[in-house]
Every structure is written in structure tokens, then in C-alpha cells.
Amino acid sequence: MTTTRPTDITDLYLAPVALRIDRQLAELDHLTEEGIHVWIALTTDHEATTLDERRILALRALAHEVDTHHWDLQHDPRGVRLSHGDNSLVLGIPESLRSYLSGSGM
């Protein structure tokens, strides 16, 4: 069994960053796809018109007002991946956000 240990100060910030992003995702759980669209537009001051823009702006909105301490947010088939160097963690996303990002609604 391999144990991964923090290699620098950024690794130590994973927990607070993950908890903050997870809290943001939990707040989206009660929104409809239209509500998510409005939230992203208000948060980023941009309205997504394509699927690529939806994905880019959704990550930007999730990271808005969050000091990510150099953890990168990326899309993952299972949700949102937080990564730094060789370390990463995937947070699940609400079904409404998954549907919004896939373009199946609206």
C-alpha cells in the first residue's frame, strides 16, 4: 500500500479548498438547470451559449471567491476534479448541474 503525503504547503490546503467547493456544489443541488444557468451568469458576468462555455463558466463560478491555493478545477466524468501536481480528488456534482453541463435540458 502506498501512502501519499503532502509535498508542499499547497497540498495542505486540499481539505479547506475541497470543503468550500463541495459546499458550493451542495448549494446547487436545489436549483433547476435554468437556476444554475442564471447563477453562473450572475457569478461570472457572462452567459454561456455553447456547451464548452457552460463547462468553462461553471468551473469559474465554482471557484469564484474561493482561494484555491493553486489547486486546479477540471471537469471529470464523475464530477469536478481538484488537482495539484500528482495529487487529485474528484467531488461529485448534483444531477441538475450534470444535466446542465451535458446540454440535455434547457
PDB file of N, CA and C in Angstrom:
ATOM      1  N   MET A   1       0.844  -1.162   0.000  1.00  0.00           N
ATOM      2  CA  MET A   1       0.000   0.000   0.000  1.00  0.00           C
ATOM      3  C   MET A   1       0.899   1.238   0.000  1.00  0.00           C
ATOM      4  N   THR A   2       0.600   2.181  -0.885  1.00  0.00           N
ATOM      5  CA  THR A   2       1.369   3.408  -0.989  1.00  0.00           C
ATOM      6  C   THR A   2       0.662   4.519  -0.234  1.00  0.00           C
ATOM      7  N   THR A   3       1.409   5.250   0.546  1.00  0.00           N
ATOM      8  CA  THR A   3       0.854   6.376   1.290  1.00  0.00           C
ATOM      9  C   THR A   3       1.273   7.657   0.608  1.00  0.00           C
ATOM     10  N   THR A   4       0.296   8.508   0.302  1.00  0.00           N
ATOM     11  CA  THR A   4       0.591   9.806  -0.285  1.00  0.00           C
ATOM     12  C   THR A   4       0.653  10.831   0.832  1.00  0.00           C
ATOM     13  N   ARG A   5       1.734  11.542   0.878  1.00  0.00           N
ATOM     14  CA  ARG A   5       1.915  12.565   1.902  1.00  0.00           C
ATOM     15  C   ARG A   5       1.968  13.935   1.228  1.00  0.00           C
ATOM     16  N   PRO A   6       1.577  14.958   1.956  1.00  0.00           N
ATOM     17  CA  PRO A   6       1.706  16.309   1.391  1.00  0.00           C
ATOM     18  C   PRO A   6       3.161  16.594   1.044  1.00  0.00           C
ATOM     19  N   THR A   7       3.374  17.202  -0.119  1.00  0.00           N
ATOM     20  CA  THR A   7       4.737  17.519  -0.536  1.00  0.00           C
ATOM     21  C   THR A   7       5.056  18.997  -0.388  1.00  0.00           C
ATOM     22  N   ASP A   8       4.018  19.832  -0.257  1.00  0.00           N
ATOM     23  CA  ASP A   8       4.249  21.260  -0.067  1.00  0.00           C
ATOM     24  C   ASP A   8       3.026  21.881   0.592  1.00  0.00           C
ATOM     25  N   ILE A   9       3.085  23.174   0.827  1.00  0.00           N
ATOM     26  CA  ILE A   9       2.006  23.868   1.528  1.00  0.00           C
ATOM     27  C   ILE A   9       0.688  23.801   0.749  1.00  0.00           C
ATOM     28  N   THR A  10       0.774  23.802  -0.579  1.00  0.00           N
ATOM     29  CA  THR A  10      -0.441  23.718  -1.390  1.00  0.00           C
ATOM     30  C   THR A  10      -1.199  22.429  -1.106  1.00  0.00           C
ATOM     31  N   ASP A  11      -0.483  21.321  -0.945  1.00  0.00           N
ATOM     32  CA  ASP A  11      -1.136  20.051  -0.627  1.00  0.00           C
ATOM     33  C   ASP A  11      -1.904  20.132   0.690  1.00  0.00           C
ATOM     34  N   LEU A  12      -1.391  20.902   1.633  1.00  0.00           N
ATOM     35  CA  LEU A  12      -2.051  21.025   2.927  1.00  0.00           C
ATOM     36  C   LEU A  12      -3.376  21.783   2.835  1.00  0.00           C
ATOM     37  N   TYR A  13      -3.541  22.556   1.778  1.00  0.00           N
ATOM     38  CA  TYR A  13      -4.776  23.320   1.604  1.00  0.00           C
ATOM     39  C   TYR A  13      -5.884  22.524   0.921  1.00  0.00           C
ATOM     40  N   LEU A  14      -5.645  21.276   0.571  1.00  0.00           N
ATOM     41  CA  LEU A  14      -6.667  20.487  -0.110  1.00  0.00           C
ATOM     42  C   LEU A  14      -7.969  20.434   0.680  1.00  0.00           C
ATOM     43  N   ALA A  15      -7.915  20.141   1.944  1.00  0.00           N
ATOM     44  CA  ALA A  15      -9.148  19.987   2.728  1.00  0.00           C
ATOM     45  C   ALA A  15     -10.001  21.248   2.717  1.00  0.00           C
ATOM     46  N   PRO A  16      -9.462  22.424   3.049  1.00  0.00           N
ATOM     47  CA  PRO A  16     -10.327  23.602   3.025  1.00  0.00           C
ATOM     48  C   PRO A  16     -10.852  23.947   1.630  1.00  0.00           C
ATOM     49  N   VAL A  17     -10.036  23.733   0.608  1.00  0.00           N
ATOM     50  CA  VAL A  17     -10.488  24.007  -0.756  1.00  0.00           C
ATOM     51  C   VAL A  17     -11.597  23.024  -1.139  1.00  0.00           C
ATOM     52  N   ALA A  18     -11.388  21.755  -0.880  1.00  0.00           N
ATOM     53  CA  ALA A  18     -12.394  20.734  -1.216  1.00  0.00           C
ATOM     54  C   ALA A  18     -13.700  20.973  -0.457  1.00  0.00           C
ATOM     55  N   LEU A  19     -13.601  21.322   0.806  1.00  0.00           N
ATOM     56  CA  LEU A  19     -14.808  21.580   1.593  1.00  0.00           C
ATOM     57  C   LEU A  19     -15.587  22.784   1.057  1.00  0.00           C
ATOM     58  N   ARG A  20     -14.876  23.819   0.659  1.00  0.00           N
ATOM     59  CA  ARG A  20     -15.542  25.027   0.125  1.00  0.00           C
ATOM     60  C   ARG A  20     -16.215  24.723  -1.211  1.00  0.00           C
ATOM     61  N   ILE A  21     -15.537  24.033  -2.102  1.00  0.00           N
ATOM     62  CA  ILE A  21     -16.122  23.687  -3.400  1.00  0.00           C
ATOM     63  C   ILE A  21     -17.292  22.727  -3.197  1.00  0.00           C
ATOM     64  N   ASP A  22     -17.150  21.761  -2.305  1.00  0.00           N
ATOM     65  CA  ASP A  22     -18.239  20.819  -2.027  1.00  0.00           C
ATOM     66  C   ASP A  22     -19.463  21.564  -1.481  1.00  0.00           C
ATOM     67  N   ARG A  23     -19.242  22.569  -0.652  1.00  0.00           N
ATOM     68  CA  ARG A  23     -20.346  23.375  -0.123  1.00  0.00           C
ATOM     69  C   ARG A  23     -21.046  24.115  -1.268  1.00  0.00           C
ATOM     70  N   GLN A  24     -20.257  24.646  -2.208  1.00  0.00           N
ATOM     71  CA  GLN A  24     -20.832  25.310  -3.380  1.00  0.00           C
ATOM     72  C   GLN A  24     -21.695  24.329  -4.176  1.00  0.00           C
ATOM     73  N   LEU A  25     -21.191  23.118  -4.383  1.00  0.00           N
ATOM     74  CA  LEU A  25     -21.935  22.112  -5.123  1.00  0.00           C
ATOM     75  C   LEU A  25     -23.230  21.736  -4.405  1.00  0.00           C
ATOM     76  N   ALA A  26     -23.175  21.618  -3.088  1.00  0.00           N
ATOM     77  CA  ALA A  26     -24.368  21.280  -2.311  1.00  0.00           C
ATOM     78  C   ALA A  26     -25.426  22.366  -2.439  1.00  0.00           C
ATOM     79  N   GLU A  27     -25.006  23.621  -2.501  1.00  0.00           N
ATOM     80  CA  GLU A  27     -25.957  24.715  -2.661  1.00  0.00           C
ATOM     81  C   GLU A  27     -26.643  24.684  -4.022  1.00  0.00           C
ATOM     82  N   LEU A  28     -26.007  24.093  -5.011  1.00  0.00           N
ATOM     83  CA  LEU A  28     -26.596  23.989  -6.350  1.00  0.00           C
ATOM     84  C   LEU A  28     -27.607  22.861  -6.457  1.00  0.00           C
ATOM     85  N   ASP A  29     -27.606  21.969  -5.494  1.00  0.00           N
ATOM     86  CA  ASP A  29     -28.448  20.777  -5.552  1.00  0.00           C
ATOM     87  C   ASP A  29     -29.930  21.104  -5.686  1.00  0.00           C
ATOM     88  N   HIS A  30     -30.377  22.186  -5.085  1.00  0.00           N
ATOM     89  CA  HIS A  30     -31.800  22.525  -5.110  1.00  0.00           C
ATOM     90  C   HIS A  30     -32.199  23.346  -6.333  1.00  0.00           C
ATOM     91  N   LEU A  31     -31.226  23.779  -7.155  1.00  0.00           N
ATOM     92  CA  LEU A  31     -31.531  24.600  -8.317  1.00  0.00           C
ATOM     93  C   LEU A  31     -31.912  23.766  -9.523  1.00  0.00           C
ATOM     94  N   THR A  32     -32.763  24.327 -10.358  1.00  0.00           N
ATOM     95  CA  THR A  32     -33.078  23.722 -11.651  1.00  0.00           C
ATOM     96  C   THR A  32     -31.939  24.048 -12.617  1.00  0.00           C
ATOM     97  N   GLU A  33     -31.984  23.479 -13.806  1.00  0.00           N
ATOM     98  CA  GLU A  33     -30.972  23.811 -14.806  1.00  0.00           C
ATOM     99  C   GLU A  33     -31.017  25.294 -15.142  1.00  0.00           C
ATOM    100  N   GLU A  34     -32.211  25.845 -15.237  1.00  0.00           N
ATOM    101  CA  GLU A  34     -32.352  27.282 -15.507  1.00  0.00           C
ATOM    102  C   GLU A  34     -31.760  28.096 -14.355  1.00  0.00           C
ATOM    103  N   GLY A  35     -31.994  27.657 -13.122  1.00  0.00           N
ATOM    104  CA  GLY A  35     -31.424  28.329 -11.962  1.00  0.00           C
ATOM    105  C   GLY A  35     -29.910  28.291 -11.982  1.00  0.00           C
ATOM    106  N   ILE A  36     -29.347  27.174 -12.389  1.00  0.00           N
ATOM    107  CA  ILE A  36     -27.887  27.049 -12.497  1.00  0.00           C
ATOM    108  C   ILE A  36     -27.372  27.985 -13.581  1.00  0.00           C
ATOM    109  N   HIS A  37     -28.076  28.043 -14.696  1.00  0.00           N
ATOM    110  CA  HIS A  37     -27.698  28.938 -15.792  1.00  0.00           C
ATOM    111  C   HIS A  37     -27.656  30.386 -15.297  1.00  0.00           C
ATOM    112  N   VAL A  38     -28.678  30.811 -14.578  1.00  0.00           N
ATOM    113  CA  VAL A  38     -28.733  32.176 -14.042  1.00  0.00           C
ATOM    114  C   VAL A  38     -27.626  32.394 -13.013  1.00  0.00           C
ATOM    115  N   TRP A  39     -27.416  31.430 -12.111  1.00  0.00           N
ATOM    116  CA  TRP A  39     -26.367  31.554 -11.093  1.00  0.00           C
ATOM    117  C   TRP A  39     -24.998  31.735 -11.745  1.00  0.00           C
ATOM    118  N   ILE A  40     -24.709  30.936 -12.764  1.00  0.00           N
ATOM    119  CA  ILE A  40     -23.420  31.036 -13.456  1.00  0.00           C
ATOM    120  C   ILE A  40     -23.293  32.398 -14.140  1.00  0.00           C
ATOM    121  N   ALA A  41     -24.358  32.843 -14.809  1.00  0.00           N
ATOM    122  CA  ALA A  41     -24.319  34.138 -15.499  1.00  0.00           C
ATOM    123  C   ALA A  41     -24.097  35.286 -14.512  1.00  0.00           C
ATOM    124  N   LEU A  42     -24.773  35.254 -13.392  1.00  0.00           N
ATOM    125  CA  LEU A  42     -24.608  36.308 -12.388  1.00  0.00           C
ATOM    126  C   LEU A  42     -23.238  36.256 -11.725  1.00  0.00           C
ATOM    127  N   THR A  43     -22.752  35.066 -11.464  1.00  0.00           N
ATOM    128  CA  THR A  43     -21.469  34.905 -10.781  1.00  0.00           C
ATOM    129  C   THR A  43     -20.292  35.288 -11.665  1.00  0.00           C
ATOM    130  N   THR A  44     -20.367  34.945 -12.943  1.00  0.00           N
ATOM    131  CA  THR A  44     -19.234  35.177 -13.849  1.00  0.00           C
ATOM    132  C   THR A  44     -19.394  36.420 -14.718  1.00  0.00           C
ATOM    133  N   ASP A  45     -20.591  36.987 -14.724  1.00  0.00           N
ATOM    134  CA  ASP A  45     -20.909  38.136 -15.578  1.00  0.00           C
ATOM    135  C   ASP A  45     -20.812  37.774 -17.062  1.00  0.00           C
ATOM    136  N   HIS A  46     -21.042  36.504 -17.362  1.00  0.00           N
ATOM    137  CA  HIS A  46     -21.077  36.015 -18.741  1.00  0.00           C
ATOM    138  C   HIS A  46     -22.208  34.998 -18.863  1.00  0.00           C
ATOM    139  N   GLU A  47     -22.837  34.978 -20.027  1.00  0.00           N
ATOM    140  CA  GLU A  47     -23.883  33.984 -20.259  1.00  0.00           C
ATOM    141  C   GLU A  47     -23.371  32.947 -21.249  1.00  0.00           C
ATOM    142  N   ALA A  48     -23.426  31.704 -20.836  1.00  0.00           N
ATOM    143  CA  ALA A  48     -22.945  30.619 -21.692  1.00  0.00           C
ATOM    144  C   ALA A  48     -23.912  30.391 -22.845  1.00  0.00           C
ATOM    145  N   THR A  49     -23.368  30.267 -24.052  1.00  0.00           N
ATOM    146  CA  THR A  49     -24.194  29.992 -25.222  1.00  0.00           C
ATOM    147  C   THR A  49     -23.855  28.654 -25.872  1.00  0.00           C
ATOM    148  N   THR A  50     -22.738  28.062 -25.486  1.00  0.00           N
ATOM    149  CA  THR A  50     -22.345  26.757 -26.020  1.00  0.00           C
ATOM    150  C   THR A  50     -22.053  25.807 -24.858  1.00  0.00           C
ATOM    151  N   LEU A  51     -21.958  24.523 -25.165  1.00  0.00           N
ATOM    152  CA  LEU A  51     -21.614  23.547 -24.123  1.00  0.00           C
ATOM    153  C   LEU A  51     -20.227  23.807 -23.557  1.00  0.00           C
ATOM    154  N   ASP A  52     -19.283  24.147 -24.412  1.00  0.00           N
ATOM    155  CA  ASP A  52     -17.927  24.449 -23.927  1.00  0.00           C
ATOM    156  C   ASP A  52     -17.947  25.629 -22.967  1.00  0.00           C
ATOM    157  N   GLU A  53     -18.712  26.664 -23.309  1.00  0.00           N
ATOM    158  CA  GLU A  53     -18.819  27.820 -22.410  1.00  0.00           C
ATOM    159  C   GLU A  53     -19.478  27.430 -21.095  1.00  0.00           C
ATOM    160  N   ARG A  54     -20.477  26.559 -21.140  1.00  0.00           N
ATOM    161  CA  ARG A  54     -21.119  26.095 -19.909  1.00  0.00           C
ATOM    162  C   ARG A  54     -20.093  25.457 -18.982  1.00  0.00           C
ATOM    163  N   ARG A  55     -19.259  24.602 -19.543  1.00  0.00           N
ATOM    164  CA  ARG A  55     -18.261  23.889 -18.732  1.00  0.00           C
ATOM    165  C   ARG A  55     -17.209  24.838 -18.171  1.00  0.00           C
ATOM    166  N   ILE A  56     -16.728  25.752 -18.998  1.00  0.00           N
ATOM    167  CA  ILE A  56     -15.717  26.711 -18.562  1.00  0.00           C
ATOM    168  C   ILE A  56     -16.282  27.638 -17.487  1.00  0.00           C
ATOM    169  N   LEU A  57     -17.456  28.193 -17.748  1.00  0.00           N
ATOM    170  CA  LEU A  57     -18.042  29.150 -16.814  1.00  0.00           C
ATOM    171  C   LEU A  57     -18.507  28.488 -15.522  1.00  0.00           C
ATOM    172  N   ALA A  58     -18.922  27.222 -15.587  1.00  0.00           N
ATOM    173  CA  ALA A  58     -19.326  26.518 -14.366  1.00  0.00           C
ATOM    174  C   ALA A  58     -18.128  26.388 -13.420  1.00  0.00           C
ATOM    175  N   LEU A  59     -16.967  26.032 -13.953  1.00  0.00           N
ATOM    176  CA  LEU A  59     -15.768  25.940 -13.116  1.00  0.00           C
ATOM    177  C   LEU A  59     -15.379  27.313 -12.574  1.00  0.00           C
ATOM    178  N   ARG A  60     -15.484  28.325 -13.424  1.00  0.00           N
ATOM    179  CA  ARG A  60     -15.156  29.678 -12.983  1.00  0.00           C
ATOM    180  C   ARG A  60     -16.099  30.122 -11.858  1.00  0.00           C
ATOM    181  N   ALA A  61     -17.386  29.797 -11.992  1.00  0.00           N
ATOM    182  CA  ALA A  61     -18.360  30.169 -10.964  1.00  0.00           C
ATOM    183  C   ALA A  61     -18.097  29.423  -9.657  1.00  0.00           C
ATOM    184  N   LEU A  62     -17.756  28.132  -9.749  1.00  0.00           N
ATOM    185  CA  LEU A  62     -17.462  27.367  -8.542  1.00  0.00           C
ATOM    186  C   LEU A  62     -16.244  27.915  -7.806  1.00  0.00           C
ATOM    187  N   ALA A  63     -15.268  28.397  -8.554  1.00  0.00           N
ATOM    188  CA  ALA A  63     -14.042  28.903  -7.941  1.00  0.00           C
ATOM    189  C   ALA A  63     -14.151  30.374  -7.537  1.00  0.00           C
ATOM    190  N   HIS A  64     -15.251  31.020  -7.920  1.00  0.00           N
ATOM    191  CA  HIS A  64     -15.444  32.435  -7.598  1.00  0.00           C
ATOM    192  C   HIS A  64     -15.426  32.633  -6.089  1.00  0.00           C
ATOM    193  N   GLU A  65     -14.628  33.559  -5.640  1.00  0.00           N
ATOM    194  CA  GLU A  65     -14.486  33.894  -4.223  1.00  0.00           C
ATOM    195  C   GLU A  65     -13.938  32.738  -3.377  1.00  0.00           C
ATOM    196  N   VAL A  66     -13.261  31.793  -4.021  1.00  0.00           N
ATOM    197  CA  VAL A  66     -12.615  30.693  -3.304  1.00  0.00           C
ATOM    198  C   VAL A  66     -11.117  30.804  -3.568  1.00  0.00           C
ATOM    199  N   ASP A  67     -10.347  30.905  -2.518  1.00  0.00           N
ATOM    200  CA  ASP A  67      -8.899  30.877  -2.683  1.00  0.00           C
ATOM    201  C   ASP A  67      -8.515  29.414  -2.858  1.00  0.00           C
ATOM    202  N   THR A  68      -8.229  29.028  -4.081  1.00  0.00           N
ATOM    203  CA  THR A  68      -7.955  27.620  -4.381  1.00  0.00           C
ATOM    204  C   THR A  68      -6.532  27.198  -4.003  1.00  0.00           C
ATOM    205  N   HIS A  69      -5.705  28.147  -3.593  1.00  0.00           N
ATOM    206  CA  HIS A  69      -4.337  27.829  -3.178  1.00  0.00           C
ATOM    207  C   HIS A  69      -3.620  26.970  -4.220  1.00  0.00           C
ATOM    208  N   HIS A  70      -3.813  27.310  -5.475  1.00  0.00           N
ATOM    209  CA  HIS A  70      -3.155  26.658  -6.618  1.00  0.00           C
ATOM    210  C   HIS A  70      -3.676  25.257  -6.923  1.00  0.00           C
ATOM    211  N   TRP A  71      -4.816  24.877  -6.342  1.00  0.00           N
ATOM    212  CA  TRP A  71      -5.479  23.653  -6.759  1.00  0.00           C
ATOM    213  C   TRP A  71      -6.286  23.997  -8.006  1.00  0.00           C
ATOM    214  N   ASP A  72      -6.173  23.181  -9.050  1.00  0.00           N
ATOM    215  CA  ASP A  72      -6.878  23.426 -10.302  1.00  0.00           C
ATOM    216  C   ASP A  72      -8.199  22.678 -10.306  1.00  0.00           C
ATOM    217  N   LEU A  73      -9.235  23.322 -10.841  1.00  0.00           N
ATOM    218  CA  LEU A  73     -10.531  22.678 -11.018  1.00  0.00           C
ATOM    219  C   LEU A  73     -10.666  22.269 -12.475  1.00  0.00           C
ATOM    220  N   GLN A  74     -11.076  21.023 -12.682  1.00  0.00           N
ATOM    221  CA  GLN A  74     -11.259  20.489 -14.031  1.00  0.00           C
ATOM    222  C   GLN A  74     -12.499  19.615 -14.036  1.00  0.00           C
ATOM    223  N   HIS A  75     -13.071  19.472 -15.207  1.00  0.00           N
ATOM    224  CA  HIS A  75     -14.198  18.554 -15.318  1.00  0.00           C
ATOM    225  C   HIS A  75     -13.682  17.122 -15.343  1.00  0.00           C
ATOM    226  N   ASP A  76     -14.473  16.247 -14.798  1.00  0.00           N
ATOM    227  CA  ASP A  76     -14.178  14.822 -14.743  1.00  0.00           C
ATOM    228  C   ASP A  76     -15.490  14.103 -15.009  1.00  0.00           C
ATOM    229  N   PRO A  77     -15.479  12.933 -15.625  1.00  0.00           N
ATOM    230  CA  PRO A  77     -16.738  12.216 -15.851  1.00  0.00           C
ATOM    231  C   PRO A  77     -17.541  11.986 -14.560  1.00  0.00           C
ATOM    232  N   ARG A  78     -16.851  11.958 -13.425  1.00  0.00           N
ATOM    233  CA  ARG A  78     -17.546  11.734 -12.150  1.00  0.00           C
ATOM    234  C   ARG A  78     -17.920  13.020 -11.436  1.00  0.00           C
ATOM    235  N   GLY A  79     -17.446  14.187 -11.921  1.00  0.00           N
ATOM    236  CA  GLY A  79     -17.764  15.440 -11.252  1.00  0.00           C
ATOM    237  C   GLY A  79     -16.721  16.507 -11.511  1.00  0.00           C
ATOM    238  N   VAL A  80     -16.218  17.111 -10.439  1.00  0.00           N
ATOM    239  CA  VAL A  80     -15.205  18.163 -10.529  1.00  0.00           C
ATOM    240  C   VAL A  80     -13.930  17.636  -9.890  1.00  0.00           C
ATOM    241  N   ARG A  81     -12.850  17.671 -10.658  1.00  0.00           N
ATOM    242  CA  ARG A  81     -11.551  17.199 -10.164  1.00  0.00           C
ATOM    243  C   ARG A  81     -10.739  18.384  -9.657  1.00  0.00           C
ATOM    244  N   LEU A  82     -10.255  18.254  -8.427  1.00  0.00           N
ATOM    245  CA  LEU A  82      -9.292  19.199  -7.860  1.00  0.00           C
ATOM    246  C   LEU A  82      -7.932  18.545  -8.016  1.00  0.00           C
ATOM    247  N   SER A  83      -6.985  19.251  -8.616  1.00  0.00           N
ATOM    248  CA  SER A  83      -5.678  18.635  -8.810  1.00  0.00           C
ATOM    249  C   SER A  83      -4.554  19.625  -8.553  1.00  0.00           C
ATOM    250  N   HIS A  84      -3.443  19.060  -8.106  1.00  0.00           N
ATOM    251  CA  HIS A  84      -2.209  19.806  -7.881  1.00  0.00           C
ATOM    252  C   HIS A  84      -1.072  18.803  -7.990  1.00  0.00           C
ATOM    253  N   GLY A  85      -0.237  18.987  -8.983  1.00  0.00           N
ATOM    254  CA  GLY A  85       0.853  18.031  -9.188  1.00  0.00           C
ATOM    255  C   GLY A  85       0.297  16.641  -9.450  1.00  0.00           C
ATOM    256  N   ASP A  86       0.796  15.656  -8.719  1.00  0.00           N
ATOM    257  CA  ASP A  86       0.349  14.276  -8.885  1.00  0.00           C
ATOM    258  C   ASP A  86      -0.893  13.957  -8.058  1.00  0.00           C
ATOM    259  N   ASN A  87      -1.339  14.892  -7.242  1.00  0.00           N
ATOM    260  CA  ASN A  87      -2.471  14.639  -6.350  1.00  0.00           C
ATOM    261  C   ASN A  87      -3.767  15.171  -6.948  1.00  0.00           C
ATOM    262  N   SER A  88      -4.845  14.425  -6.756  1.00  0.00           N
ATOM    263  CA  SER A  88      -6.145  14.883  -7.225  1.00  0.00           C
ATOM    264  C   SER A  88      -7.256  14.224  -6.420  1.00  0.00           C
ATOM    265  N   LEU A  89      -8.409  14.868  -6.483  1.00  0.00           N
ATOM    266  CA  LEU A  89      -9.593  14.413  -5.771  1.00  0.00           C
ATOM    267  C   LEU A  89     -10.789  14.792  -6.626  1.00  0.00           C
ATOM    268  N   VAL A  90     -11.761  13.900  -6.747  1.00  0.00           N
ATOM    269  CA  VAL A  90     -12.963  14.196  -7.526  1.00  0.00           C
ATOM    270  C   VAL A  90     -14.137  14.352  -6.578  1.00  0.00           C
ATOM    271  N   LEU A  91     -14.857  15.475  -6.742  1.00  0.00           N
ATOM    272  CA  LEU A  91     -16.075  15.725  -5.986  1.00  0.00           C
ATOM    273  C   LEU A  91     -17.266  15.477  -6.904  1.00  0.00           C
ATOM    274  N   GLY A  92     -18.257  14.763  -6.401  1.00  0.00           N
ATOM    275  CA  GLY A  92     -19.463  14.516  -7.175  1.00  0.00           C
ATOM    276  C   GLY A  92     -20.260  15.796  -7.356  1.00  0.00           C
ATOM    277  N   ILE A  93     -21.069  15.844  -8.415  1.00  0.00           N
ATOM    278  CA  ILE A  93     -21.877  17.032  -8.677  1.00  0.00           C
ATOM    279  C   ILE A  93     -23.355  16.660  -8.671  1.00  0.00           C
ATOM    280  N   PRO A  94     -24.236  17.641  -8.363  1.00  0.00           N
ATOM    281  CA  PRO A  94     -25.667  17.369  -8.369  1.00  0.00           C
ATOM    282  C   PRO A  94     -26.155  17.012  -9.771  1.00  0.00           C
ATOM    283  N   GLU A  95     -27.210  16.254  -9.840  1.00  0.00           N
ATOM    284  CA  GLU A  95     -27.761  15.822 -11.127  1.00  0.00           C
ATOM    285  C   GLU A  95     -28.161  17.006 -11.998  1.00  0.00           C
ATOM    286  N   SER A  96     -28.681  18.069 -11.398  1.00  0.00           N
ATOM    287  CA  SER A  96     -29.088  19.237 -12.187  1.00  0.00           C
ATOM    288  C   SER A  96     -27.871  19.889 -12.859  1.00  0.00           C
ATOM    289  N   LEU A  97     -26.749  19.950 -12.177  1.00  0.00           N
ATOM    290  CA  LEU A  97     -25.541  20.505 -12.783  1.00  0.00           C
ATOM    291  C   LEU A  97     -25.010  19.560 -13.852  1.00  0.00           C
ATOM    292  N   ARG A  98     -25.058  18.270 -13.586  1.00  0.00           N
ATOM    293  CA  ARG A  98     -24.609  17.287 -14.594  1.00  0.00           C
ATOM    294  C   ARG A  98     -25.435  17.428 -15.879  1.00  0.00           C
ATOM    295  N   SER A  99     -26.736  17.580 -15.724  1.00  0.00           N
ATOM    296  CA  SER A  99     -27.613  17.733 -16.872  1.00  0.00           C
ATOM    297  C   SER A  99     -27.331  19.052 -17.601  1.00  0.00           C
ATOM    298  N   TYR A 100     -27.140  20.120 -16.838  1.00  0.00           N
ATOM    299  CA  TYR A 100     -26.822  21.423 -17.437  1.00  0.00           C
ATOM    300  C   TYR A 100     -25.536  21.344 -18.243  1.00  0.00           C
ATOM    301  N   LEU A 101     -24.522  20.692 -17.699  1.00  0.00           N
ATOM    302  CA  LEU A 101     -23.223  20.607 -18.381  1.00  0.00           C
ATOM    303  C   LEU A 101     -23.257  19.705 -19.608  1.00  0.00           C
ATOM    304  N   SER A 102     -24.186  18.764 -19.628  1.00  0.00           N
ATOM    305  CA  SER A 102     -24.270  17.869 -20.787  1.00  0.00           C
ATOM    306  C   SER A 102     -25.161  18.457 -21.870  1.00  0.00           C
ATOM    307  N   GLY A 103     -25.919  19.501 -21.525  1.00  0.00           N
ATOM    308  CA  GLY A 103     -26.783  20.141 -22.509  1.00  0.00           C
ATOM    309  C   GLY A 103     -28.065  19.388 -22.776  1.00  0.00           C
ATOM    310  N   SER A 104     -28.421  18.460 -21.905  1.00  0.00           N
ATOM    311  CA  SER A 104     -29.609  17.642 -22.155  1.00  0.00           C
ATOM    312  C   SER A 104     -30.905  18.395 -21.895  1.00  0.00           C
ATOM    313  N   GLY A 105     -30.828  19.480 -21.137  1.00  0.00           N
ATOM    314  CA  GLY A 105     -32.036  20.258 -20.837  1.00  0.00           C
ATOM    315  C   GLY A 105     -31.951  21.638 -21.455  1.00  0.00           C
ATOM    316  N   MET A 106     -32.837  22.475 -21.051  1.00  0.00           N
ATOM    317  CA  MET A 106     -32.939  23.864 -21.482  1.00  0.00           C
ATOM    318  C   MET A 106     -33.093  23.926 -22.950  1.00  0.00           C
TER     319      MET A 106
END
